[in-house]
Amino acid sequence: MTIKPIRNDDDLRTAFRRLESIFQAEEQTPEADERDVLVTLVEAYENKHYDFGPADPVEAIKFRMEQQGLTARDLEPFIGPSGRVSEVLNRKRGLSLRMVKSLHDGLKIPYESLLAHVQ
């Protein structure tokens, strides 16, 4: 196992290629150790060079809807009547704390994403 620092995007691509080949490595093998070290290095590089920040709350909701094949009607138990769901998805109404808790508990959307941009 030869591990080198990730100093630029070329090094990052090389690390990703290696990770693809060892990602399913059986635990407690040299390949699994290498995978864990590479993941740590990739995360450190990305955190330093790419500021993704928390997701926009509406985008987080839409992403979860896409992931789970949900419609706006499916959000009613978490947000309220269809008019309120529409207002939230069209950014005409902010999320209440009740909505945030309900979306987190019911759809497992991280609080960090749902509370992003709250002042």
PDB file of N, CA and C in Angstrom:
ATOM      1  N   MET A   1       0.855  -1.165   0.000  1.00  0.00           N
ATOM      2  CA  MET A   1       0.000   0.000   0.000  1.00  0.00           C
ATOM      3  C   MET A   1       0.905   1.233   0.000  1.00  0.00           C
ATOM      4  N   THR A   2       0.790   2.018  -1.064  1.00  0.00           N
ATOM      5  CA  THR A   2       1.524   3.262  -1.164  1.00  0.00           C
ATOM      6  C   THR A   2       0.522   4.400  -1.146  1.00  0.00           C
ATOM      7  N   ILE A   3       0.521   5.154  -0.069  1.00  0.00           N
ATOM      8  CA  ILE A   3      -0.403   6.272   0.094  1.00  0.00           C
ATOM      9  C   ILE A   3       0.387   7.561  -0.059  1.00  0.00           C
ATOM     10  N   LYS A   4      -0.142   8.470  -0.876  1.00  0.00           N
ATOM     11  CA  LYS A   4       0.491   9.766  -1.058  1.00  0.00           C
ATOM     12  C   LYS A   4      -0.531  10.851  -0.745  1.00  0.00           C
ATOM     13  N   PRO A   5      -0.069  12.020  -0.360  1.00  0.00           N
ATOM     14  CA  PRO A   5      -1.008  13.126  -0.105  1.00  0.00           C
ATOM     15  C   PRO A   5      -1.767  13.496  -1.378  1.00  0.00           C
ATOM     16  N   ILE A   6      -2.946  14.037  -1.200  1.00  0.00           N
ATOM     17  CA  ILE A   6      -3.721  14.552  -2.326  1.00  0.00           C
ATOM     18  C   ILE A   6      -3.475  16.058  -2.351  1.00  0.00           C
ATOM     19  N   ARG A   7      -2.734  16.491  -3.365  1.00  0.00           N
ATOM     20  CA  ARG A   7      -2.332  17.903  -3.437  1.00  0.00           C
ATOM     21  C   ARG A   7      -3.086  18.692  -4.496  1.00  0.00           C
ATOM     22  N   ASN A   8      -3.700  17.979  -5.458  1.00  0.00           N
ATOM     23  CA  ASN A   8      -4.395  18.677  -6.542  1.00  0.00           C
ATOM     24  C   ASN A   8      -5.495  17.771  -7.095  1.00  0.00           C
ATOM     25  N   ASP A   9      -6.224  18.284  -8.075  1.00  0.00           N
ATOM     26  CA  ASP A   9      -7.349  17.517  -8.619  1.00  0.00           C
ATOM     27  C   ASP A   9      -6.906  16.260  -9.365  1.00  0.00           C
ATOM     28  N   ASP A  10      -5.697  16.280  -9.936  1.00  0.00           N
ATOM     29  CA  ASP A  10      -5.191  15.065 -10.584  1.00  0.00           C
ATOM     30  C   ASP A  10      -4.968  13.963  -9.546  1.00  0.00           C
ATOM     31  N   ASP A  11      -4.386  14.350  -8.405  1.00  0.00           N
ATOM     32  CA  ASP A  11      -4.204  13.378  -7.320  1.00  0.00           C
ATOM     33  C   ASP A  11      -5.554  12.862  -6.827  1.00  0.00           C
ATOM     34  N   LEU A  12      -6.532  13.760  -6.789  1.00  0.00           N
ATOM     35  CA  LEU A  12      -7.878  13.374  -6.345  1.00  0.00           C
ATOM     36  C   LEU A  12      -8.479  12.340  -7.295  1.00  0.00           C
ATOM     37  N   ARG A  13      -8.355  12.578  -8.588  1.00  0.00           N
ATOM     38  CA  ARG A  13      -8.877  11.608  -9.572  1.00  0.00           C
ATOM     39  C   ARG A  13      -8.173  10.260  -9.440  1.00  0.00           C
ATOM     40  N   THR A  14      -6.877  10.279  -9.209  1.00  0.00           N
ATOM     41  CA  THR A  14      -6.133   9.042  -9.016  1.00  0.00           C
ATOM     42  C   THR A  14      -6.634   8.297  -7.781  1.00  0.00           C
ATOM     43  N   ALA A  15      -6.887   9.039  -6.709  1.00  0.00           N
ATOM     44  CA  ALA A  15      -7.409   8.423  -5.482  1.00  0.00           C
ATOM     45  C   ALA A  15      -8.787   7.814  -5.737  1.00  0.00           C
ATOM     46  N   PHE A  16      -9.635   8.525  -6.488  1.00  0.00           N
ATOM     47  CA  PHE A  16     -10.967   7.993  -6.793  1.00  0.00           C
ATOM     48  C   PHE A  16     -10.880   6.711  -7.620  1.00  0.00           C
ATOM     49  N   ARG A  17      -9.970   6.687  -8.585  1.00  0.00           N
ATOM     50  CA  ARG A  17      -9.815   5.465  -9.400  1.00  0.00           C
ATOM     51  C   ARG A  17      -9.400   4.291  -8.521  1.00  0.00           C
ATOM     52  N   ARG A  18      -8.482   4.535  -7.617  1.00  0.00           N
ATOM     53  CA  ARG A  18      -8.044   3.459  -6.713  1.00  0.00           C
ATOM     54  C   ARG A  18      -9.181   3.041  -5.790  1.00  0.00           C
ATOM     55  N   LEU A  19      -9.922   4.017  -5.279  1.00  0.00           N
ATOM     56  CA  LEU A  19     -11.048   3.695  -4.400  1.00  0.00           C
ATOM     57  C   LEU A  19     -12.084   2.826  -5.107  1.00  0.00           C
ATOM     58  N   GLU A  20     -12.323   3.103  -6.384  1.00  0.00           N
ATOM     59  CA  GLU A  20     -13.288   2.286  -7.135  1.00  0.00           C
ATOM     60  C   GLU A  20     -12.893   0.812  -7.129  1.00  0.00           C
ATOM     61  N   SER A  21     -11.605   0.562  -7.189  1.00  0.00           N
ATOM     62  CA  SER A  21     -11.165  -0.835  -7.271  1.00  0.00           C
ATOM     63  C   SER A  21     -11.129  -1.536  -5.918  1.00  0.00           C
ATOM     64  N   ILE A  22     -11.094  -0.774  -4.821  1.00  0.00           N
ATOM     65  CA  ILE A  22     -10.992  -1.417  -3.501  1.00  0.00           C
ATOM     66  C   ILE A  22     -12.169  -1.086  -2.585  1.00  0.00           C
ATOM     67  N   PHE A  23     -13.179  -0.405  -3.109  1.00  0.00           N
ATOM     68  CA  PHE A  23     -14.268   0.062  -2.258  1.00  0.00           C
ATOM     69  C   PHE A  23     -15.007  -1.079  -1.559  1.00  0.00           C
ATOM     70  N   GLN A  24     -15.145  -2.220  -2.192  1.00  0.00           N
ATOM     71  CA  GLN A  24     -15.856  -3.368  -1.624  1.00  0.00           C
ATOM     72  C   GLN A  24     -14.923  -4.320  -0.883  1.00  0.00           C
ATOM     73  N   ALA A  25     -13.760  -3.857  -0.530  1.00  0.00           N
ATOM     74  CA  ALA A  25     -12.779  -4.727   0.131  1.00  0.00           C
ATOM     75  C   ALA A  25     -13.334  -5.288   1.437  1.00  0.00           C
ATOM     76  N   GLU A  26     -12.979  -6.517   1.689  1.00  0.00           N
ATOM     77  CA  GLU A  26     -13.393  -7.179   2.928  1.00  0.00           C
ATOM     78  C   GLU A  26     -12.691  -6.516   4.116  1.00  0.00           C
ATOM     79  N   GLU A  27     -13.452  -6.305   5.183  1.00  0.00           N
ATOM     80  CA  GLU A  27     -12.900  -5.643   6.373  1.00  0.00           C
ATOM     81  C   GLU A  27     -11.685  -6.392   6.910  1.00  0.00           C
ATOM     82  N   GLN A  28     -10.809  -5.648   7.542  1.00  0.00           N
ATOM     83  CA  GLN A  28      -9.596  -6.160   8.169  1.00  0.00           C
ATOM     84  C   GLN A  28      -8.646  -6.809   7.174  1.00  0.00           C
ATOM     85  N   THR A  29      -8.602  -6.205   5.982  1.00  0.00           N
ATOM     86  CA  THR A  29      -7.620  -6.602   4.976  1.00  0.00           C
ATOM     87  C   THR A  29      -6.790  -5.360   4.656  1.00  0.00           C
ATOM     88  N   PRO A  30      -5.633  -5.541   4.052  1.00  0.00           N
ATOM     89  CA  PRO A  30      -4.835  -4.371   3.671  1.00  0.00           C
ATOM     90  C   PRO A  30      -5.590  -3.413   2.735  1.00  0.00           C
ATOM     91  N   GLU A  31      -6.423  -3.984   1.849  1.00  0.00           N
ATOM     92  CA  GLU A  31      -7.193  -3.147   0.927  1.00  0.00           C
ATOM     93  C   GLU A  31      -8.233  -2.311   1.676  1.00  0.00           C
ATOM     94  N   ALA A  32      -8.851  -2.888   2.700  1.00  0.00           N
ATOM     95  CA  ALA A  32      -9.821  -2.140   3.508  1.00  0.00           C
ATOM     96  C   ALA A  32      -9.125  -1.014   4.263  1.00  0.00           C
ATOM     97  N   ASP A  33      -7.928  -1.282   4.775  1.00  0.00           N
ATOM     98  CA  ASP A  33      -7.157  -0.232   5.447  1.00  0.00           C
ATOM     99  C   ASP A  33      -6.816   0.896   4.470  1.00  0.00           C
ATOM    100  N   GLU A  34      -6.397   0.509   3.283  1.00  0.00           N
ATOM    101  CA  GLU A  34      -6.063   1.507   2.261  1.00  0.00           C
ATOM    102  C   GLU A  34      -7.297   2.327   1.905  1.00  0.00           C
ATOM    103  N   ARG A  35      -8.427   1.668   1.743  1.00  0.00           N
ATOM    104  CA  ARG A  35      -9.686   2.357   1.438  1.00  0.00           C
ATOM    105  C   ARG A  35      -9.996   3.395   2.511  1.00  0.00           C
ATOM    106  N   ASP A  36      -9.898   3.008   3.770  1.00  0.00           N
ATOM    107  CA  ASP A  36     -10.229   3.920   4.864  1.00  0.00           C
ATOM    108  C   ASP A  36      -9.308   5.135   4.884  1.00  0.00           C
ATOM    109  N   VAL A  37      -8.022   4.910   4.626  1.00  0.00           N
ATOM    110  CA  VAL A  37      -7.067   6.019   4.598  1.00  0.00           C
ATOM    111  C   VAL A  37      -7.372   6.938   3.410  1.00  0.00           C
ATOM    112  N   LEU A  38      -7.642   6.353   2.249  1.00  0.00           N
ATOM    113  CA  LEU A  38      -7.944   7.165   1.063  1.00  0.00           C
ATOM    114  C   LEU A  38      -9.215   7.987   1.258  1.00  0.00           C
ATOM    115  N   VAL A  39     -10.228   7.406   1.856  1.00  0.00           N
ATOM    116  CA  VAL A  39     -11.475   8.136   2.106  1.00  0.00           C
ATOM    117  C   VAL A  39     -11.193   9.343   3.000  1.00  0.00           C
ATOM    118  N   THR A  40     -10.386   9.155   4.008  1.00  0.00           N
ATOM    119  CA  THR A  40     -10.034  10.249   4.911  1.00  0.00           C
ATOM    120  C   THR A  40      -9.279  11.343   4.156  1.00  0.00           C
ATOM    121  N   LEU A  41      -8.339  10.944   3.307  1.00  0.00           N
ATOM    122  CA  LEU A  41      -7.578  11.928   2.533  1.00  0.00           C
ATOM    123  C   LEU A  41      -8.473  12.685   1.552  1.00  0.00           C
ATOM    124  N   VAL A  42      -9.372  11.975   0.891  1.00  0.00           N
ATOM    125  CA  VAL A  42     -10.293  12.613  -0.058  1.00  0.00           C
ATOM    126  C   VAL A  42     -11.183  13.617   0.673  1.00  0.00           C
ATOM    127  N   GLU A  43     -11.733  13.211   1.806  1.00  0.00           N
ATOM    128  CA  GLU A  43     -12.596  14.118   2.572  1.00  0.00           C
ATOM    129  C   GLU A  43     -11.832  15.365   3.009  1.00  0.00           C
ATOM    130  N   ALA A  44     -10.616  15.193   3.463  1.00  0.00           N
ATOM    131  CA  ALA A  44      -9.813  16.340   3.902  1.00  0.00           C
ATOM    132  C   ALA A  44      -9.540  17.287   2.733  1.00  0.00           C
ATOM    133  N   TYR A  45      -9.191  16.735   1.582  1.00  0.00           N
ATOM    134  CA  TYR A  45      -8.920  17.563   0.409  1.00  0.00           C
ATOM    135  C   TYR A  45     -10.173  18.307  -0.024  1.00  0.00           C
ATOM    136  N   GLU A  46     -11.302  17.593  -0.101  1.00  0.00           N
ATOM    137  CA  GLU A  46     -12.548  18.227  -0.541  1.00  0.00           C
ATOM    138  C   GLU A  46     -13.004  19.295   0.452  1.00  0.00           C
ATOM    139  N   ASN A  47     -12.879  19.030   1.735  1.00  0.00           N
ATOM    140  CA  ASN A  47     -13.279  20.025   2.732  1.00  0.00           C
ATOM    141  C   ASN A  47     -12.432  21.294   2.631  1.00  0.00           C
ATOM    142  N   LYS A  48     -11.176  21.124   2.272  1.00  0.00           N
ATOM    143  CA  LYS A  48     -10.277  22.275   2.170  1.00  0.00           C
ATOM    144  C   LYS A  48     -10.490  23.058   0.873  1.00  0.00           C
ATOM    145  N   HIS A  49     -10.778  22.349  -0.232  1.00  0.00           N
ATOM    146  CA  HIS A  49     -10.798  22.997  -1.539  1.00  0.00           C
ATOM    147  C   HIS A  49     -12.185  23.210  -2.133  1.00  0.00           C
ATOM    148  N   TYR A  50     -13.185  22.556  -1.613  1.00  0.00           N
ATOM    149  CA  TYR A  50     -14.537  22.686  -2.156  1.00  0.00           C
ATOM    150  C   TYR A  50     -15.507  22.939  -1.006  1.00  0.00           C
ATOM    151  N   ASP A  51     -16.074  24.135  -0.968  1.00  0.00           N
ATOM    152  CA  ASP A  51     -17.029  24.464   0.078  1.00  0.00           C
ATOM    153  C   ASP A  51     -18.432  24.177  -0.434  1.00  0.00           C
ATOM    154  N   PHE A  52     -18.924  22.987  -0.131  1.00  0.00           N
ATOM    155  CA  PHE A  52     -20.264  22.622  -0.571  1.00  0.00           C
ATOM    156  C   PHE A  52     -21.322  23.281   0.301  1.00  0.00           C
ATOM    157  N   GLY A  53     -21.048  23.459   1.580  1.00  0.00           N
ATOM    158  CA  GLY A  53     -22.008  24.050   2.496  1.00  0.00           C
ATOM    159  C   GLY A  53     -23.262  23.209   2.599  1.00  0.00           C
ATOM    160  N   PRO A  54     -24.112  23.547   3.531  1.00  0.00           N
ATOM    161  CA  PRO A  54     -25.340  22.771   3.672  1.00  0.00           C
ATOM    162  C   PRO A  54     -26.283  23.027   2.497  1.00  0.00           C
ATOM    163  N   ALA A  55     -27.080  22.044   2.188  1.00  0.00           N
ATOM    164  CA  ALA A  55     -28.027  22.157   1.082  1.00  0.00           C
ATOM    165  C   ALA A  55     -29.105  23.174   1.412  1.00  0.00           C
ATOM    166  N   ASP A  56     -29.666  23.788   0.382  1.00  0.00           N
ATOM    167  CA  ASP A  56     -30.820  24.652   0.532  1.00  0.00           C
ATOM    168  C   ASP A  56     -31.995  23.781   0.996  1.00  0.00           C
ATOM    169  N   PRO A  57     -32.798  24.238   1.958  1.00  0.00           N
ATOM    170  CA  PRO A  57     -33.882  23.398   2.486  1.00  0.00           C
ATOM    171  C   PRO A  57     -34.839  22.874   1.409  1.00  0.00           C
ATOM    172  N   VAL A  58     -35.252  23.748   0.495  1.00  0.00           N
ATOM    173  CA  VAL A  58     -36.189  23.311  -0.548  1.00  0.00           C
ATOM    174  C   VAL A  58     -35.517  22.297  -1.471  1.00  0.00           C
ATOM    175  N   GLU A  59     -34.255  22.540  -1.803  1.00  0.00           N
ATOM    176  CA  GLU A  59     -33.541  21.582  -2.652  1.00  0.00           C
ATOM    177  C   GLU A  59     -33.363  20.248  -1.934  1.00  0.00           C
ATOM    178  N   ALA A  60     -33.141  20.284  -0.628  1.00  0.00           N
ATOM    179  CA  ALA A  60     -33.020  19.034   0.143  1.00  0.00           C
ATOM    180  C   ALA A  60     -34.339  18.255   0.093  1.00  0.00           C
ATOM    181  N   ILE A  61     -35.447  18.955   0.217  1.00  0.00           N
ATOM    182  CA  ILE A  61     -36.756  18.298   0.152  1.00  0.00           C
ATOM    183  C   ILE A  61     -36.977  17.710  -1.239  1.00  0.00           C
ATOM    184  N   LYS A  62     -36.696  18.498  -2.273  1.00  0.00           N
ATOM    185  CA  LYS A  62     -36.894  18.022  -3.652  1.00  0.00           C
ATOM    186  C   LYS A  62     -35.982  16.835  -3.965  1.00  0.00           C
ATOM    187  N   PHE A  63     -34.762  16.874  -3.438  1.00  0.00           N
ATOM    188  CA  PHE A  63     -33.838  15.756  -3.646  1.00  0.00           C
ATOM    189  C   PHE A  63     -34.402  14.486  -3.019  1.00  0.00           C
ATOM    190  N   ARG A  64     -34.920  14.588  -1.780  1.00  0.00           N
ATOM    191  CA  ARG A  64     -35.492  13.419  -1.121  1.00  0.00           C
ATOM    192  C   ARG A  64     -36.728  12.933  -1.876  1.00  0.00           C
ATOM    193  N   MET A  65     -37.529  13.865  -2.388  1.00  0.00           N
ATOM    194  CA  MET A  65     -38.708  13.481  -3.176  1.00  0.00           C
ATOM    195  C   MET A  65     -38.279  12.665  -4.390  1.00  0.00           C
ATOM    196  N   GLU A  66     -37.239  13.139  -5.066  1.00  0.00           N
ATOM    197  CA  GLU A  66     -36.734  12.425  -6.248  1.00  0.00           C
ATOM    198  C   GLU A  66     -36.193  11.055  -5.865  1.00  0.00           C
ATOM    199  N   GLN A  67     -35.442  10.994  -4.778  1.00  0.00           N
ATOM    200  CA  GLN A  67     -34.871   9.724  -4.322  1.00  0.00           C
ATOM    201  C   GLN A  67     -35.950   8.688  -4.042  1.00  0.00           C
ATOM    202  N   GLN A  68     -37.031   9.127  -3.406  1.00  0.00           N
ATOM    203  CA  GLN A  68     -38.059   8.190  -2.957  1.00  0.00           C
ATOM    204  C   GLN A  68     -39.279   8.157  -3.870  1.00  0.00           C
ATOM    205  N   GLY A  69     -39.233   8.881  -4.988  1.00  0.00           N
ATOM    206  CA  GLY A  69     -40.353   8.885  -5.916  1.00  0.00           C
ATOM    207  C   GLY A  69     -41.618   9.489  -5.305  1.00  0.00           C
ATOM    208  N   LEU A  70     -41.452  10.536  -4.510  1.00  0.00           N
ATOM    209  CA  LEU A  70     -42.583  11.156  -3.831  1.00  0.00           C
ATOM    210  C   LEU A  70     -43.159  12.296  -4.663  1.00  0.00           C
ATOM    211  N   THR A  71     -44.441  12.554  -4.451  1.00  0.00           N
ATOM    212  CA  THR A  71     -45.106  13.697  -5.072  1.00  0.00           C
ATOM    213  C   THR A  71     -45.352  14.750  -3.994  1.00  0.00           C
ATOM    214  N   ALA A  72     -45.789  15.909  -4.418  1.00  0.00           N
ATOM    215  CA  ALA A  72     -46.116  16.966  -3.457  1.00  0.00           C
ATOM    216  C   ALA A  72     -47.195  16.485  -2.489  1.00  0.00           C
ATOM    217  N   ARG A  73     -48.115  15.712  -2.967  1.00  0.00           N
ATOM    218  CA  ARG A  73     -49.188  15.188  -2.107  1.00  0.00           C
ATOM    219  C   ARG A  73     -48.608  14.315  -0.984  1.00  0.00           C
ATOM    220  N   ASP A  74     -47.518  13.610  -1.271  1.00  0.00           N
ATOM    221  CA  ASP A  74     -46.884  12.761  -0.253  1.00  0.00           C
ATOM    222  C   ASP A  74     -46.268  13.586   0.883  1.00  0.00           C
ATOM    223  N   LEU A  75     -46.053  14.880   0.657  1.00  0.00           N
ATOM    224  CA  LEU A  75     -45.466  15.739   1.679  1.00  0.00           C
ATOM    225  C   LEU A  75     -46.494  16.300   2.655  1.00  0.00           C
ATOM    226  N   GLU A  76     -47.771  16.150   2.334  1.00  0.00           N
ATOM    227  CA  GLU A  76     -48.815  16.726   3.175  1.00  0.00           C
ATOM    228  C   GLU A  76     -48.749  16.276   4.637  1.00  0.00           C
ATOM    229  N   PRO A  77     -48.462  15.018   4.942  1.00  0.00           N
ATOM    230  CA  PRO A  77     -48.377  14.641   6.355  1.00  0.00           C
ATOM    231  C   PRO A  77     -47.244  15.357   7.103  1.00  0.00           C
ATOM    232  N   PHE A  78     -46.253  15.843   6.375  1.00  0.00           N
ATOM    233  CA  PHE A  78     -45.094  16.468   6.994  1.00  0.00           C
ATOM    234  C   PHE A  78     -45.177  17.994   7.012  1.00  0.00           C
ATOM    235  N   ILE A  79     -45.826  18.564   6.002  1.00  0.00           N
ATOM    236  CA  ILE A  79     -45.858  20.019   5.849  1.00  0.00           C
ATOM    237  C   ILE A  79     -47.245  20.597   6.110  1.00  0.00           C
ATOM    238  N   GLY A  80     -48.268  19.906   5.675  1.00  0.00           N
ATOM    239  CA  GLY A  80     -49.629  20.401   5.842  1.00  0.00           C
ATOM    240  C   GLY A  80     -50.400  20.290   4.538  1.00  0.00           C
ATOM    241  N   PRO A  81     -51.524  20.998   4.445  1.00  0.00           N
ATOM    242  CA  PRO A  81     -52.379  20.915   3.251  1.00  0.00           C
ATOM    243  C   PRO A  81     -51.614  21.225   1.958  1.00  0.00           C
ATOM    244  N   SER A  82     -52.187  20.818   0.841  1.00  0.00           N
ATOM    245  CA  SER A  82     -51.514  20.948  -0.458  1.00  0.00           C
ATOM    246  C   SER A  82     -51.091  22.382  -0.761  1.00  0.00           C
ATOM    247  N   GLY A  83     -51.898  23.362  -0.370  1.00  0.00           N
ATOM    248  CA  GLY A  83     -51.529  24.759  -0.604  1.00  0.00           C
ATOM    249  C   GLY A  83     -50.254  25.135   0.122  1.00  0.00           C
ATOM    250  N   ARG A  84     -50.111  24.665   1.335  1.00  0.00           N
ATOM    251  CA  ARG A  84     -48.902  24.953   2.118  1.00  0.00           C
ATOM    252  C   ARG A  84     -47.698  24.252   1.500  1.00  0.00           C
ATOM    253  N   VAL A  85     -47.872  23.005   1.070  1.00  0.00           N
ATOM    254  CA  VAL A  85     -46.775  22.274   0.415  1.00  0.00           C
ATOM    255  C   VAL A  85     -46.312  23.057  -0.810  1.00  0.00           C
ATOM    256  N   SER A  86     -47.266  23.514  -1.602  1.00  0.00           N
ATOM    257  CA  SER A  86     -46.941  24.274  -2.809  1.00  0.00           C
ATOM    258  C   SER A  86     -46.186  25.548  -2.467  1.00  0.00           C
ATOM    259  N   GLU A  87     -46.624  26.251  -1.428  1.00  0.00           N
ATOM    260  CA  GLU A  87     -45.947  27.482  -1.028  1.00  0.00           C
ATOM    261  C   GLU A  87     -44.507  27.210  -0.600  1.00  0.00           C
ATOM    262  N   VAL A  88     -44.297  26.128   0.146  1.00  0.00           N
ATOM    263  CA  VAL A  88     -42.942  25.782   0.587  1.00  0.00           C
ATOM    264  C   VAL A  88     -42.072  25.433  -0.615  1.00  0.00           C
ATOM    265  N   LEU A  89     -42.577  24.578  -1.496  1.00  0.00           N
ATOM    266  CA  LEU A  89     -41.776  24.141  -2.645  1.00  0.00           C
ATOM    267  C   LEU A  89     -41.494  25.277  -3.624  1.00  0.00           C
ATOM    268  N   ASN A  90     -42.361  26.302  -3.630  1.00  0.00           N
ATOM    269  CA  ASN A  90     -42.161  27.458  -4.512  1.00  0.00           C
ATOM    270  C   ASN A  90     -41.509  28.634  -3.780  1.00  0.00           C
ATOM    271  N   ARG A  91     -41.007  28.361  -2.575  1.00  0.00           N
ATOM    272  CA  ARG A  91     -40.271  29.335  -1.780  1.00  0.00           C
ATOM    273  C   ARG A  91     -41.095  30.566  -1.398  1.00  0.00           C
ATOM    274  N   LYS A  92     -42.383  30.393  -1.271  1.00  0.00           N
ATOM    275  CA  LYS A  92     -43.246  31.502  -0.853  1.00  0.00           C
ATOM    276  C   LYS A  92     -43.537  31.432   0.647  1.00  0.00           C
ATOM    277  N   ARG A  93     -43.168  30.326   1.271  1.00  0.00           N
ATOM    278  CA  ARG A  93     -43.357  30.141   2.705  1.00  0.00           C
ATOM    279  C   ARG A  93     -42.146  29.391   3.237  1.00  0.00           C
ATOM    280  N   GLY A  94     -41.658  29.831   4.365  1.00  0.00           N
ATOM    281  CA  GLY A  94     -40.546  29.153   5.003  1.00  0.00           C
ATOM    282  C   GLY A  94     -41.035  27.950   5.796  1.00  0.00           C
ATOM    283  N   LEU A  95     -40.108  27.145   6.216  1.00  0.00           N
ATOM    284  CA  LEU A  95     -40.440  25.973   7.026  1.00  0.00           C
ATOM    285  C   LEU A  95     -40.599  26.374   8.485  1.00  0.00           C
ATOM    286  N   SER A  96     -41.633  25.889   9.123  1.00  0.00           N
ATOM    287  CA  SER A  96     -41.784  26.085  10.567  1.00  0.00           C
ATOM    288  C   SER A  96     -40.959  25.011  11.276  1.00  0.00           C
ATOM    289  N   LEU A  97     -40.737  25.206  12.558  1.00  0.00           N
ATOM    290  CA  LEU A  97     -40.002  24.192  13.316  1.00  0.00           C
ATOM    291  C   LEU A  97     -40.752  22.862  13.336  1.00  0.00           C
ATOM    292  N   ARG A  98     -42.079  22.900  13.370  1.00  0.00           N
ATOM    293  CA  ARG A  98     -42.870  21.675  13.326  1.00  0.00           C
ATOM    294  C   ARG A  98     -42.625  20.938  12.001  1.00  0.00           C
ATOM    295  N   MET A  99     -42.615  21.692  10.905  1.00  0.00           N
ATOM    296  CA  MET A  99     -42.358  21.085   9.592  1.00  0.00           C
ATOM    297  C   MET A  99     -40.965  20.481   9.547  1.00  0.00           C
ATOM    298  N   VAL A 100     -39.971  21.216  10.057  1.00  0.00           N
ATOM    299  CA  VAL A 100     -38.586  20.737  10.055  1.00  0.00           C
ATOM    300  C   VAL A 100     -38.486  19.418  10.812  1.00  0.00           C
ATOM    301  N   LYS A 101     -39.055  19.382  12.019  1.00  0.00           N
ATOM    302  CA  LYS A 101     -39.003  18.158  12.817  1.00  0.00           C
ATOM    303  C   LYS A 101     -39.715  17.018  12.110  1.00  0.00           C
ATOM    304  N   SER A 102     -40.872  17.306  11.541  1.00  0.00           N
ATOM    305  CA  SER A 102     -41.651  16.277  10.857  1.00  0.00           C
ATOM    306  C   SER A 102     -40.914  15.737   9.628  1.00  0.00           C
ATOM    307  N   LEU A 103     -40.319  16.631   8.837  1.00  0.00           N
ATOM    308  CA  LEU A 103     -39.560  16.196   7.654  1.00  0.00           C
ATOM    309  C   LEU A 103     -38.325  15.392   8.053  1.00  0.00           C
ATOM    310  N   HIS A 104     -37.686  15.811   9.127  1.00  0.00           N
ATOM    311  CA  HIS A 104     -36.518  15.068   9.609  1.00  0.00           C
ATOM    312  C   HIS A 104     -36.922  13.679  10.102  1.00  0.00           C
ATOM    313  N   ASP A 105     -37.941  13.629  10.948  1.00  0.00           N
ATOM    314  CA  ASP A 105     -38.368  12.346  11.515  1.00  0.00           C
ATOM    315  C   ASP A 105     -38.951  11.419  10.451  1.00  0.00           C
ATOM    316  N   GLY A 106     -39.764  11.978   9.551  1.00  0.00           N
ATOM    317  CA  GLY A 106     -40.471  11.141   8.582  1.00  0.00           C
ATOM    318  C   GLY A 106     -39.683  10.784   7.346  1.00  0.00           C
ATOM    319  N   LEU A 107     -38.904  11.736   6.845  1.00  0.00           N
ATOM    320  CA  LEU A 107     -38.184  11.500   5.586  1.00  0.00           C
ATOM    321  C   LEU A 107     -36.672  11.434   5.774  1.00  0.00           C
ATOM    322  N   LYS A 108     -36.227  11.576   7.023  1.00  0.00           N
ATOM    323  CA  LYS A 108     -34.798  11.483   7.359  1.00  0.00           C
ATOM    324  C   LYS A 108     -33.951  12.525   6.620  1.00  0.00           C
ATOM    325  N   ILE A 109     -34.521  13.715   6.412  1.00  0.00           N
ATOM    326  CA  ILE A 109     -33.742  14.814   5.840  1.00  0.00           C
ATOM    327  C   ILE A 109     -32.960  15.436   6.990  1.00  0.00           C
ATOM    328  N   PRO A 110     -31.655  15.598   6.854  1.00  0.00           N
ATOM    329  CA  PRO A 110     -30.850  16.117   7.958  1.00  0.00           C
ATOM    330  C   PRO A 110     -31.305  17.511   8.411  1.00  0.00           C
ATOM    331  N   TYR A 111     -31.288  17.713   9.719  1.00  0.00           N
ATOM    332  CA  TYR A 111     -31.619  19.030  10.267  1.00  0.00           C
ATOM    333  C   TYR A 111     -30.734  20.107   9.652  1.00  0.00           C
ATOM    334  N   GLU A 112     -29.459  19.779   9.468  1.00  0.00           N
ATOM    335  CA  GLU A 112     -28.514  20.751   8.906  1.00  0.00           C
ATOM    336  C   GLU A 112     -29.008  21.309   7.577  1.00  0.00           C
ATOM    337  N   SER A 113     -29.580  20.456   6.744  1.00  0.00           N
ATOM    338  CA  SER A 113     -30.091  20.904   5.453  1.00  0.00           C
ATOM    339  C   SER A 113     -31.384  21.690   5.603  1.00  0.00           C
ATOM    340  N   LEU A 114     -32.253  21.229   6.477  1.00  0.00           N
ATOM    341  CA  LEU A 114     -33.551  21.882   6.637  1.00  0.00           C
ATOM    342  C   LEU A 114     -33.439  23.242   7.329  1.00  0.00           C
ATOM    343  N   LEU A 115     -32.420  23.408   8.140  1.00  0.00           N
ATOM    344  CA  LEU A 115     -32.257  24.657   8.874  1.00  0.00           C
ATOM    345  C   LEU A 115     -31.224  25.585   8.230  1.00  0.00           C
ATOM    346  N   ALA A 116     -30.682  25.198   7.083  1.00  0.00           N
ATOM    347  CA  ALA A 116     -29.698  26.040   6.403  1.00  0.00           C
ATOM    348  C   ALA A 116     -30.347  27.363   6.042  1.00  0.00           C
ATOM    349  N   HIS A 117     -29.576  28.411   6.126  1.00  0.00           N
ATOM    350  CA  HIS A 117     -30.001  29.762   5.753  1.00  0.00           C
ATOM    351  C   HIS A 117     -31.002  30.363   6.724  1.00  0.00           C
ATOM    352  N   VAL A 118     -31.236  29.744   7.898  1.00  0.00           N
ATOM    353  CA  VAL A 118     -32.113  30.322   8.903  1.00  0.00           C
ATOM    354  C   VAL A 118     -31.296  31.367   9.653  1.00  0.00           C
ATOM    355  N   GLN A 119     -31.876  32.521   9.846  1.00  0.00           N
ATOM    356  CA  GLN A 119     -31.139  33.589  10.522  1.00  0.00           C
ATOM    357  C   GLN A 119     -31.624  33.784  11.915  1.00  0.00           C
TER     358      GLN A 119
END
